[in-house]
Amino acid sequence: MSATEINERAVVTRFAPSPTGFLHLGGARTALFNLLFARHHGGTFRLRIEDTDRARSTQPAIEAILNGMRWLGLDWDGEEVYQFARADRHAAVAHRMIEAGHAYRCYLTSEELDAMRAAAQAAKQPLRIRSPWRDRTDWPADQSYVVRLRAPTEGATTIHDRVQGEVTVQNAELDDLVLLRSDGTPTYMLAVVVDDHDMGVTHVIRGDDHLNNAFRQLPIYRAMDAIEGGWPDPVYAHIPLIHGSDGAKLSKRHGAVGIEAYRDEMGILPEALDNYLLRLGWGHGDEEIIAREDAVRWFDLDAVGKSPSRFDLKKLEHLNGHYIRASDDSRLADLVAEKLGLDRDDTRRAVLAAAMPALKPRAANLNELADGTAFLFATRPLVIDTEAAPLLAGEAPALLARLHAALDAVHNWDTETIEAAVRQVADAAGVKLGQVAQPLRAALTGRRTSPGIFDVLVLLGRDESLARIADHQA
């Protein structure tokens, strides 16, 4: 669709998840692409919860979807639409199609349908139902029925997909799909079309596993357009799915877990996950770090690839590390405080904020950042981990005693003054600075690695630092 055509028809996109499970990576990326396309064209982005599967749809799943989208900044326009609440509208459209001859009552029994399936399997052919009731009107008065679409049987249907290109299916390959079940409830195929029309959706951007559905849904649009007008075909864009790093379909072993797991368990920032999902199947030159405002300005469907993209957790964590380093220290302190279970008025939050400049360059996720703060609040005597313990053996206690004496004489407790005192001890002992820093780090943090040792001393403060050194000096 050209820019002129887009402007003539205000862009409306939608994300329509089924609340039968968590919001996963593929769904979040679909929502992101819909949002960006709408914002790029000054249009509207809507949210519809497709909760017609009453047995599997749950309120916790709905809340997980809404919370996940809010966390990622996928802000939809207007109130979300709940598909199940519109069942009467869907059914009314089906009956309107019966009246106009575009749908019909089908009284095929389950035994007759089983026979059709068996015949198709014997012939090694897909099951395409052409009901003998298609052209009959002698409907039984006391027998249940389904409502089927009277699908076209001749010619072909072509979709000019914005991602897949031109795709054609022979109409003989389509079947007369069910619009209303025998209990009068609408099927997914009918409900999606009616809802998209009523919501004014102009562009259907979704996973390419729905491409076959488009050919089955278009006859519904065209039937209703013939009946009452104003039911134009949407513009379709079917996005290739996300695969694992090994090229296989994404599964839990690749990271196919709920968005909340990336937030709560993996310590990923929302802007990092947004940026990563954006680059899964879309690109703008060599740009890797893309802010939301740039994504809105640059995004269009022409740059979406036709091949499946591959999820790589290491790349996500690398990107997350960038966003952690760029993030505001007070915000990071609040996020770490939540992980540590600190109350909002806990004075240790200020300590965390002061520590962030030293801690965040070393962290790839919030878990590592939280773990890196452990030495700040550890109680004496420190628990020394097995890797750090050898650093406190041999000549280390004597060296720590010399460090304690030198640092005890320091009253201007800043990194420059502290560094000068520690270097003097190293020079007097005839060793390199690292040989002094290693036992000092172990004594102060209980670990082999930490932020810069002078930053650690400043963060702990004079009294606490001297007390921890004294615990291990000769």
Protein backbone atom coordinates (compact mmCIF):
# COMPACT_ATOMS: atom_id res chain seq x y z
CA MET A 1 0.00 0.00 0.00
CA SER A 2 1.44 3.39 -1.00
CA ALA A 3 1.73 6.34 1.35
CA THR A 4 -1.15 8.01 -0.47
CA GLU A 5 -3.39 4.98 -0.02
CA ILE A 6 -2.46 4.79 3.67
CA ASN A 7 -3.36 8.44 4.20
CA GLU A 8 -6.70 7.96 2.49
CA ARG A 9 -7.61 5.26 4.98
CA ALA A 10 -6.54 6.04 8.55
CA VAL A 11 -4.36 3.22 9.83
CA VAL A 12 -5.79 1.03 12.58
CA THR A 13 -3.87 -2.02 13.81
CA ARG A 14 -4.61 -4.46 16.58
CA PHE A 15 -3.06 -7.09 18.78
CA ALA A 16 -5.44 -9.95 19.56
CA PRO A 17 -4.01 -12.48 22.04
CA SER A 18 -5.87 -15.48 23.42
CA PRO A 19 -5.73 -15.52 27.25
CA THR A 20 -5.01 -19.23 27.48
CA GLY A 21 -1.43 -18.70 28.67
CA PHE A 22 1.28 -16.11 29.16
CA LEU A 23 2.30 -13.28 26.85
CA HIS A 24 5.25 -14.84 25.03
CA LEU A 25 8.05 -13.36 22.93
CA GLY A 26 6.30 -13.87 19.61
CA GLY A 27 3.13 -12.21 20.85
CA ALA A 28 5.05 -9.29 22.35
CA ARG A 29 6.90 -8.74 19.07
CA THR A 30 3.62 -8.84 17.12
CA ALA A 31 2.15 -6.24 19.47
CA LEU A 32 5.28 -4.10 19.12
CA PHE A 33 5.19 -4.20 15.31
CA ASN A 34 1.49 -3.29 15.31
CA LEU A 35 2.11 -0.41 17.70
CA LEU A 36 5.06 0.97 15.74
CA PHE A 37 3.28 0.73 12.39
CA ALA A 38 0.25 2.57 13.75
CA ARG A 39 2.34 5.27 15.44
CA HIS A 40 4.55 5.68 12.36
CA HIS A 41 1.47 6.46 10.25
CA GLY A 42 -0.28 8.53 12.91
CA GLY A 43 -2.89 5.82 13.33
CA THR A 44 -4.51 3.83 16.12
CA PHE A 45 -3.37 0.69 17.92
CA ARG A 46 -6.11 -1.42 19.52
CA LEU A 47 -6.09 -4.42 21.87
CA ARG A 48 -8.59 -7.27 21.69
CA ILE A 49 -8.67 -10.19 24.12
CA GLU A 50 -9.89 -13.25 22.21
CA ASP A 51 -11.45 -15.06 25.14
CA THR A 52 -13.97 -17.20 23.27
CA ASP A 53 -12.29 -20.43 24.45
CA ARG A 54 -14.08 -20.36 27.79
CA ALA A 55 -12.58 -23.61 29.00
CA ARG A 56 -9.00 -22.37 28.66
CA SER A 57 -9.27 -18.59 29.02
CA THR A 58 -8.42 -17.41 32.52
CA GLN A 59 -8.43 -14.09 34.35
CA PRO A 60 -4.80 -14.55 35.54
CA ALA A 61 -3.75 -14.99 31.89
CA ILE A 62 -5.62 -11.81 30.94
CA GLU A 63 -3.88 -9.92 33.74
CA ALA A 64 -0.50 -11.33 32.67
CA ILE A 65 -1.07 -10.09 29.10
CA LEU A 66 -2.17 -6.62 30.22
CA ASN A 67 0.65 -6.27 32.75
CA GLY A 68 3.23 -7.54 30.26
CA MET A 69 2.14 -5.03 27.65
CA ARG A 70 2.16 -2.17 30.13
CA TRP A 71 5.63 -3.16 31.34
CA LEU A 72 6.94 -3.14 27.74
CA GLY A 73 5.32 0.22 27.05
CA LEU A 74 2.96 -1.24 24.45
CA ASP A 75 0.24 1.28 25.15
CA TRP A 76 -2.97 0.62 23.26
CA ASP A 77 -5.59 3.18 22.34
CA GLY A 78 -9.03 3.11 23.96
CA GLU A 79 -10.44 0.30 26.06
CA GLU A 80 -9.51 -3.30 25.33
CA VAL A 81 -12.20 -5.31 23.54
CA TYR A 82 -13.31 -8.69 24.90
CA GLN A 83 -14.37 -10.98 22.10
CA PHE A 84 -16.69 -13.26 24.08
CA ALA A 85 -18.88 -10.29 25.05
CA ARG A 86 -19.61 -9.72 21.35
CA ALA A 87 -20.97 -13.20 20.60
CA ASP A 88 -24.45 -11.89 19.77
CA ARG A 89 -23.01 -9.53 17.18
CA HIS A 90 -21.02 -12.37 15.59
CA ALA A 91 -24.10 -14.59 15.42
CA ALA A 92 -26.16 -11.78 13.87
CA VAL A 93 -23.64 -11.48 11.04
CA ALA A 94 -23.80 -15.23 10.40
CA HIS A 95 -27.60 -15.15 10.17
CA ARG A 96 -27.40 -12.13 7.87
CA MET A 97 -25.15 -14.19 5.61
CA ILE A 98 -27.67 -17.05 5.61
CA GLU A 99 -30.42 -14.66 4.55
CA ALA A 100 -28.27 -13.35 1.69
CA GLY A 101 -27.21 -16.81 0.53
CA HIS A 102 -23.54 -16.54 1.54
CA ALA A 103 -23.90 -19.09 4.35
CA TYR A 104 -26.14 -22.06 4.99
CA ARG A 105 -27.45 -24.43 7.62
CA CYS A 106 -25.59 -27.73 7.66
CA TYR A 107 -27.16 -30.78 9.28
CA LEU A 108 -24.30 -33.21 8.73
CA THR A 109 -24.13 -35.65 11.62
CA SER A 110 -20.96 -36.57 13.47
CA GLU A 111 -21.10 -40.00 11.82
CA GLU A 112 -21.25 -38.43 8.37
CA LEU A 113 -18.34 -36.15 9.18
CA ASP A 114 -16.32 -39.13 10.44
CA ALA A 115 -17.00 -40.91 7.17
CA MET A 116 -15.78 -37.88 5.21
CA ARG A 117 -12.58 -37.78 7.26
CA ALA A 118 -11.99 -41.49 6.73
CA ALA A 119 -12.51 -41.12 2.98
CA ALA A 120 -10.09 -38.20 2.82
CA GLN A 121 -7.47 -40.13 4.78
CA ALA A 122 -7.89 -43.18 2.53
CA ALA A 123 -7.39 -40.97 -0.51
CA LYS A 124 -4.47 -39.21 1.25
CA GLN A 125 -6.21 -35.90 0.69
CA PRO A 126 -6.88 -33.05 3.12
CA LEU A 127 -10.42 -32.85 4.39
CA ARG A 128 -12.34 -30.11 2.55
CA ILE A 129 -15.98 -30.18 3.46
CA ARG A 130 -18.55 -29.44 0.76
CA SER A 131 -21.74 -30.29 2.56
CA PRO A 132 -24.69 -31.80 0.72
CA TRP A 133 -26.75 -29.17 2.59
CA ARG A 134 -24.95 -26.36 0.75
CA ASP A 135 -27.81 -25.82 -1.72
CA ARG A 136 -30.73 -27.29 0.23
CA THR A 137 -33.51 -25.41 1.99
CA ASP A 138 -35.58 -28.36 3.26
CA TRP A 139 -34.26 -27.84 6.76
CA PRO A 140 -35.44 -30.20 9.48
CA ALA A 141 -37.41 -28.42 12.18
CA ASP A 142 -36.18 -30.42 15.16
CA GLN A 143 -32.52 -31.10 14.35
CA SER A 144 -29.46 -29.14 15.44
CA TYR A 145 -27.24 -27.61 12.79
CA VAL A 146 -24.09 -25.57 12.29
CA VAL A 147 -23.84 -22.55 10.03
CA ARG A 148 -21.26 -22.89 7.27
CA LEU A 149 -19.78 -20.35 4.90
CA ARG A 150 -20.67 -20.90 1.25
CA ALA A 151 -17.07 -20.56 0.12
CA PRO A 152 -16.17 -19.86 -3.51
CA THR A 153 -15.39 -23.02 -5.47
CA GLU A 154 -13.94 -21.62 -8.68
CA GLY A 155 -11.05 -19.32 -9.50
CA ALA A 156 -8.37 -18.28 -7.05
CA THR A 157 -7.82 -15.89 -4.16
CA THR A 158 -4.68 -13.74 -4.13
CA ILE A 159 -3.34 -11.85 -1.14
CA HIS A 160 -0.83 -9.05 -1.66
CA ASP A 161 0.91 -9.57 1.66
CA ARG A 162 3.16 -6.74 2.83
CA VAL A 163 5.76 -9.22 4.11
CA GLN A 164 5.21 -12.47 2.19
CA GLY A 165 4.54 -10.84 -1.18
CA GLU A 166 1.86 -12.09 -3.55
CA VAL A 167 0.36 -15.39 -2.38
CA THR A 168 -2.36 -17.25 -4.30
CA VAL A 169 -4.58 -20.16 -3.31
CA GLN A 170 -7.02 -21.96 -5.58
CA ASN A 171 -10.55 -21.59 -4.22
CA ALA A 172 -11.15 -25.31 -4.78
CA GLU A 173 -8.71 -25.88 -1.90
CA LEU A 174 -10.93 -23.96 0.55
CA ASP A 175 -13.74 -25.60 2.47
CA ASP A 176 -17.05 -24.42 3.81
CA LEU A 177 -15.84 -23.49 7.27
CA VAL A 178 -18.16 -23.40 10.27
CA LEU A 179 -19.30 -19.93 11.31
CA LEU A 180 -21.67 -20.91 14.13
CA ARG A 181 -21.47 -24.11 16.14
CA SER A 182 -24.53 -26.24 16.82
CA ASP A 183 -25.04 -24.43 20.15
CA GLY A 184 -25.15 -21.09 18.31
CA THR A 185 -21.73 -19.85 19.48
CA PRO A 186 -19.46 -18.23 16.89
CA THR A 187 -16.17 -19.75 15.76
CA TYR A 188 -12.83 -17.99 15.82
CA MET A 189 -12.83 -17.44 12.05
CA LEU A 190 -16.10 -15.52 12.11
CA ALA A 191 -15.43 -13.59 15.31
CA VAL A 192 -12.04 -12.32 14.11
CA VAL A 193 -13.46 -10.90 10.89
CA VAL A 194 -16.46 -9.25 12.54
CA ASP A 195 -14.35 -7.75 15.31
CA ASP A 196 -11.68 -6.47 12.93
CA HIS A 197 -14.37 -4.83 10.81
CA ASP A 198 -16.21 -3.30 13.75
CA MET A 199 -12.94 -2.01 15.26
CA GLY A 200 -12.01 -0.41 11.93
CA VAL A 201 -8.83 -2.47 11.55
CA THR A 202 -7.08 -1.60 8.29
CA HIS A 203 -3.88 -3.66 8.67
CA VAL A 204 -3.73 -7.17 10.08
CA ILE A 205 -0.13 -7.72 11.20
CA ARG A 206 0.36 -11.16 12.75
CA GLY A 207 2.46 -14.33 12.67
CA ASP A 208 2.74 -16.22 9.40
CA ASP A 209 1.13 -19.24 11.02
CA HIS A 210 -2.11 -17.32 10.35
CA LEU A 211 -1.50 -16.92 6.61
CA ASN A 212 -3.79 -19.84 5.73
CA ASN A 213 -6.49 -18.30 7.93
CA ALA A 214 -6.45 -15.16 5.79
CA PHE A 215 -7.67 -17.12 2.76
CA ARG A 216 -10.52 -18.55 4.81
CA GLN A 217 -11.45 -15.19 6.34
CA LEU A 218 -11.44 -13.11 3.16
CA PRO A 219 -14.65 -14.74 1.80
CA ILE A 220 -16.44 -13.52 4.94
CA TYR A 221 -15.30 -9.95 4.32
CA ARG A 222 -16.34 -10.16 0.68
CA ALA A 223 -19.71 -11.72 1.45
CA MET A 224 -20.56 -8.96 3.93
CA ASP A 225 -19.25 -6.30 1.58
CA ALA A 226 -21.59 -7.64 -1.11
CA ILE A 227 -24.49 -7.66 1.38
CA GLU A 228 -24.15 -4.23 2.96
CA GLY A 229 -20.96 -2.58 1.69
CA GLY A 230 -18.22 -1.06 3.80
CA TRP A 231 -16.36 -4.30 4.48
CA PRO A 232 -13.07 -3.74 2.59
CA ASP A 233 -10.31 -6.34 2.67
CA PRO A 234 -7.66 -5.50 5.28
CA VAL A 235 -4.03 -5.17 4.31
CA TYR A 236 -2.26 -8.31 5.48
CA ALA A 237 1.29 -8.62 6.78
CA HIS A 238 2.27 -12.07 8.03
CA ILE A 239 5.52 -12.03 9.99
CA PRO A 240 7.81 -15.10 10.10
CA LEU A 241 7.91 -16.79 13.49
CA ILE A 242 10.76 -16.66 15.97
CA HIS A 243 12.97 -19.75 16.13
CA GLY A 244 15.55 -20.86 18.64
CA SER A 245 19.27 -20.36 18.10
CA ASP A 246 19.42 -23.87 16.62
CA GLY A 247 16.81 -23.03 13.98
CA ALA A 248 14.08 -25.15 15.56
CA LYS A 249 10.68 -23.81 16.57
CA LEU A 250 11.00 -21.71 19.70
CA SER A 251 10.31 -23.70 22.86
CA LYS A 252 10.91 -23.36 26.59
CA ARG A 253 14.47 -24.60 26.23
CA HIS A 254 15.17 -21.64 23.92
CA GLY A 255 13.53 -19.09 26.18
CA ALA A 256 9.88 -19.35 25.17
CA VAL A 257 8.57 -18.37 28.57
CA GLY A 258 6.22 -15.64 29.67
CA ILE A 259 7.32 -12.02 29.46
CA GLU A 260 7.08 -11.84 33.25
CA ALA A 261 9.94 -14.36 33.48
CA TYR A 262 12.26 -11.97 31.65
CA ARG A 263 11.27 -9.25 34.09
CA ASP A 264 11.11 -11.17 37.37
CA GLU A 265 13.47 -14.12 36.94
CA MET A 266 16.05 -12.93 34.39
CA GLY A 267 16.30 -9.28 35.41
CA ILE A 268 15.79 -7.84 31.92
CA LEU A 269 14.83 -4.18 31.49
CA PRO A 270 11.74 -3.48 29.36
CA GLU A 271 13.56 -1.15 26.99
CA ALA A 272 16.17 -3.83 26.35
CA LEU A 273 13.55 -6.46 25.54
CA ASP A 274 11.71 -3.96 23.34
CA ASN A 275 14.89 -3.18 21.43
CA TYR A 276 15.76 -6.86 21.08
CA LEU A 277 12.29 -7.84 19.82
CA LEU A 278 12.38 -4.97 17.33
CA ARG A 279 15.59 -6.34 15.82
CA LEU A 280 14.16 -9.87 15.55
CA GLY A 281 13.12 -9.74 11.92
CA TRP A 282 13.37 -5.98 11.29
CA GLY A 283 16.29 -3.66 10.83
CA HIS A 284 17.31 -0.12 9.95
CA GLY A 285 20.75 -0.15 8.40
CA ASP A 286 23.39 -1.15 10.93
CA GLU A 287 21.55 0.33 13.90
CA GLU A 288 21.46 -1.96 16.93
CA ILE A 289 20.54 0.39 19.78
CA ILE A 290 17.20 1.88 18.81
CA ALA A 291 15.16 4.13 21.09
CA ARG A 292 11.36 3.99 20.89
CA GLU A 293 11.09 7.41 19.24
CA ASP A 294 13.53 6.33 16.52
CA ALA A 295 11.66 3.05 16.07
CA VAL A 296 8.42 4.95 15.50
CA ARG A 297 10.12 7.23 12.99
CA TRP A 298 11.84 4.42 11.07
CA PHE A 299 9.48 1.46 11.27
CA ASP A 300 7.66 0.19 8.22
CA LEU A 301 6.70 -3.24 6.95
CA ASP A 302 9.03 -3.14 3.95
CA ALA A 303 12.01 -3.83 6.22
CA VAL A 304 10.49 -6.93 7.85
CA GLY A 305 12.35 -10.04 6.70
CA LYS A 306 10.73 -13.08 5.13
CA SER A 307 12.82 -15.64 7.02
CA PRO A 308 12.35 -16.74 10.64
CA SER A 309 14.51 -14.86 13.11
CA ARG A 310 16.54 -16.62 15.79
CA PHE A 311 16.31 -15.92 19.48
CA ASP A 312 19.67 -15.61 21.26
CA LEU A 313 19.61 -15.08 25.02
CA LYS A 314 23.27 -14.00 25.08
CA LYS A 315 22.54 -11.18 22.63
CA LEU A 316 19.57 -10.11 24.74
CA GLU A 317 21.73 -10.01 27.87
CA HIS A 318 24.44 -8.07 26.03
CA LEU A 319 21.84 -5.51 24.97
CA ASN A 320 20.42 -5.47 28.48
CA GLY A 321 23.87 -4.65 29.86
CA HIS A 322 23.96 -1.60 27.61
CA TYR A 323 20.61 -0.38 28.92
CA ILE A 324 21.64 -1.01 32.53
CA ARG A 325 24.75 1.12 32.06
CA ALA A 326 22.64 3.86 30.46
CA SER A 327 19.90 3.73 33.07
CA ASP A 328 19.30 6.27 35.83
CA ASP A 329 20.97 5.24 39.09
CA SER A 330 17.94 5.93 41.29
CA ARG A 331 15.73 3.84 39.02
CA LEU A 332 18.19 0.93 39.16
CA ALA A 333 18.39 1.28 42.93
CA ASP A 334 14.61 1.00 43.17
CA LEU A 335 14.57 -2.10 40.94
CA VAL A 336 17.35 -3.75 42.95
CA ALA A 337 15.63 -2.80 46.21
CA GLU A 338 12.54 -4.66 45.02
CA LYS A 339 14.62 -7.75 44.33
CA LEU A 340 16.19 -7.48 47.79
CA GLY A 341 12.76 -7.03 49.39
CA LEU A 342 13.56 -3.61 50.87
CA ASP A 343 10.70 -1.38 51.99
CA ARG A 344 10.21 1.96 50.27
CA ASP A 345 11.44 3.89 53.34
CA ASP A 346 14.47 1.65 53.93
CA THR A 347 17.56 3.84 54.28
CA ARG A 348 19.60 1.24 52.38
CA ARG A 349 17.99 2.47 49.16
CA ALA A 350 20.23 5.54 49.33
CA VAL A 351 23.26 3.28 49.69
CA LEU A 352 22.15 1.33 46.61
CA ALA A 353 21.78 4.52 44.56
CA ALA A 354 25.27 5.64 45.57
CA ALA A 355 26.65 2.22 44.60
CA MET A 356 25.12 2.05 41.13
CA PRO A 357 27.87 3.93 39.25
CA ALA A 358 30.39 1.37 40.51
CA LEU A 359 28.16 -1.69 40.16
CA LYS A 360 26.26 -1.27 36.89
CA PRO A 361 29.24 -1.45 34.47
CA ARG A 362 29.74 -5.09 35.54
CA ALA A 363 26.12 -6.28 35.35
CA ALA A 364 24.31 -7.88 32.40
CA ASN A 365 20.99 -8.09 34.25
CA LEU A 366 19.28 -6.93 37.42
CA ASN A 367 20.01 -10.22 39.16
CA GLU A 368 23.74 -9.69 38.74
CA LEU A 369 23.31 -6.12 39.86
CA ALA A 370 21.46 -7.22 42.99
CA ASP A 371 24.02 -9.94 43.65
CA GLY A 372 26.79 -7.36 43.32
CA THR A 373 25.30 -5.35 46.20
CA ALA A 374 25.54 -8.24 48.66
CA PHE A 375 28.81 -7.03 50.22
CA LEU A 376 27.24 -3.67 51.10
CA PHE A 377 24.83 -5.16 53.62
CA ALA A 378 26.76 -8.24 54.75
CA THR A 379 27.23 -8.65 58.50
CA ARG A 380 30.55 -9.42 60.15
CA PRO A 381 32.28 -11.74 60.18
CA LEU A 382 31.86 -12.06 56.42
CA VAL A 383 31.24 -15.43 54.84
CA ILE A 384 34.23 -15.95 52.53
CA ASP A 385 33.46 -17.93 49.40
CA THR A 386 35.69 -20.82 48.36
CA GLU A 387 37.34 -18.92 45.51
CA ALA A 388 38.27 -15.98 47.72
CA ALA A 389 39.50 -17.98 50.73
CA PRO A 390 43.01 -18.68 49.30
CA LEU A 391 43.54 -14.94 48.89
CA LEU A 392 43.45 -14.53 52.67
CA ALA A 393 46.11 -17.19 53.37
CA GLY A 394 49.89 -17.03 53.55
CA GLU A 395 51.30 -13.50 53.73
CA ALA A 396 47.87 -11.90 53.34
CA PRO A 397 47.15 -11.32 57.09
CA ALA A 398 50.42 -9.43 57.53
CA LEU A 399 49.78 -7.38 54.41
CA LEU A 400 46.25 -6.57 55.61
CA ALA A 401 47.68 -5.39 58.94
CA ARG A 402 49.89 -2.89 57.08
CA LEU A 403 46.87 -1.79 55.02
CA HIS A 404 44.79 -1.35 58.18
CA ALA A 405 47.44 0.90 59.71
CA ALA A 406 47.76 2.99 56.54
CA LEU A 407 44.02 3.37 56.05
CA ASP A 408 43.42 4.10 59.72
CA ALA A 409 45.52 7.23 59.21
CA VAL A 410 43.27 8.37 56.32
CA HIS A 411 40.53 10.78 57.34
CA ASN A 412 39.62 12.29 53.99
CA TRP A 413 37.79 9.11 52.85
CA ASP A 414 37.67 9.50 49.07
CA THR A 415 38.97 7.33 46.25
CA GLU A 416 42.02 9.48 45.48
CA THR A 417 43.29 9.60 49.07
CA ILE A 418 42.52 5.92 49.66
CA GLU A 419 44.29 4.88 46.46
CA ALA A 420 47.40 6.84 47.41
CA ALA A 421 47.53 5.10 50.80
CA VAL A 422 47.10 1.61 49.32
CA ARG A 423 49.75 2.26 46.67
CA GLN A 424 52.19 3.33 49.36
CA VAL A 425 51.65 0.00 51.13
CA ALA A 426 52.25 -1.91 47.89
CA ASP A 427 55.43 0.07 47.15
CA ALA A 428 56.74 -0.45 50.68
CA ALA A 429 56.07 -4.18 50.46
CA GLY A 430 57.70 -4.37 47.05
CA VAL A 431 54.65 -5.89 45.36
CA LYS A 432 52.29 -4.84 42.59
CA LEU A 433 49.04 -3.09 43.40
CA GLY A 434 47.03 -6.15 42.34
CA GLN A 435 48.79 -8.30 44.94
CA VAL A 436 47.54 -5.91 47.60
CA ALA A 437 44.09 -5.44 46.08
CA GLN A 438 43.29 -9.16 45.96
CA PRO A 439 43.42 -9.96 49.70
CA LEU A 440 41.89 -6.54 50.43
CA ARG A 441 38.94 -7.35 48.14
CA ALA A 442 38.45 -10.76 49.76
CA ALA A 443 38.48 -9.21 53.25
CA LEU A 444 36.04 -6.46 52.30
CA THR A 445 33.55 -8.42 50.15
CA GLY A 446 34.17 -12.12 50.82
CA ARG A 447 34.58 -12.59 47.06
CA ARG A 448 37.29 -12.77 44.44
CA THR A 449 35.59 -10.21 42.19
CA SER A 450 33.88 -6.91 42.95
CA PRO A 451 33.69 -3.34 41.70
CA GLY A 452 36.92 -1.35 41.83
CA ILE A 453 38.52 -1.82 45.23
CA PHE A 454 38.69 1.92 45.95
CA ASP A 455 34.99 2.27 45.13
CA VAL A 456 34.29 -0.61 47.53
CA LEU A 457 36.16 1.15 50.33
CA VAL A 458 34.27 4.40 49.78
CA LEU A 459 30.90 2.66 49.58
CA LEU A 460 31.49 0.70 52.79
CA GLY A 461 32.74 3.77 54.62
CA ARG A 462 35.78 4.19 56.84
CA ASP A 463 34.61 2.42 59.98
CA GLU A 464 33.12 -0.64 58.28
CA SER A 465 36.10 -1.01 55.95
CA LEU A 466 38.60 -0.92 58.81
CA ALA A 467 36.52 -3.37 60.84
CA ARG A 468 36.39 -5.90 57.98
CA ILE A 469 40.12 -5.62 57.36
CA ALA A 470 40.78 -6.11 61.07
CA ASP A 471 38.87 -9.41 60.97
CA HIS A 472 41.58 -10.89 58.73
CA GLN A 473 44.80 -9.08 59.65
CA ALA A 474 47.66 -10.71 61.48
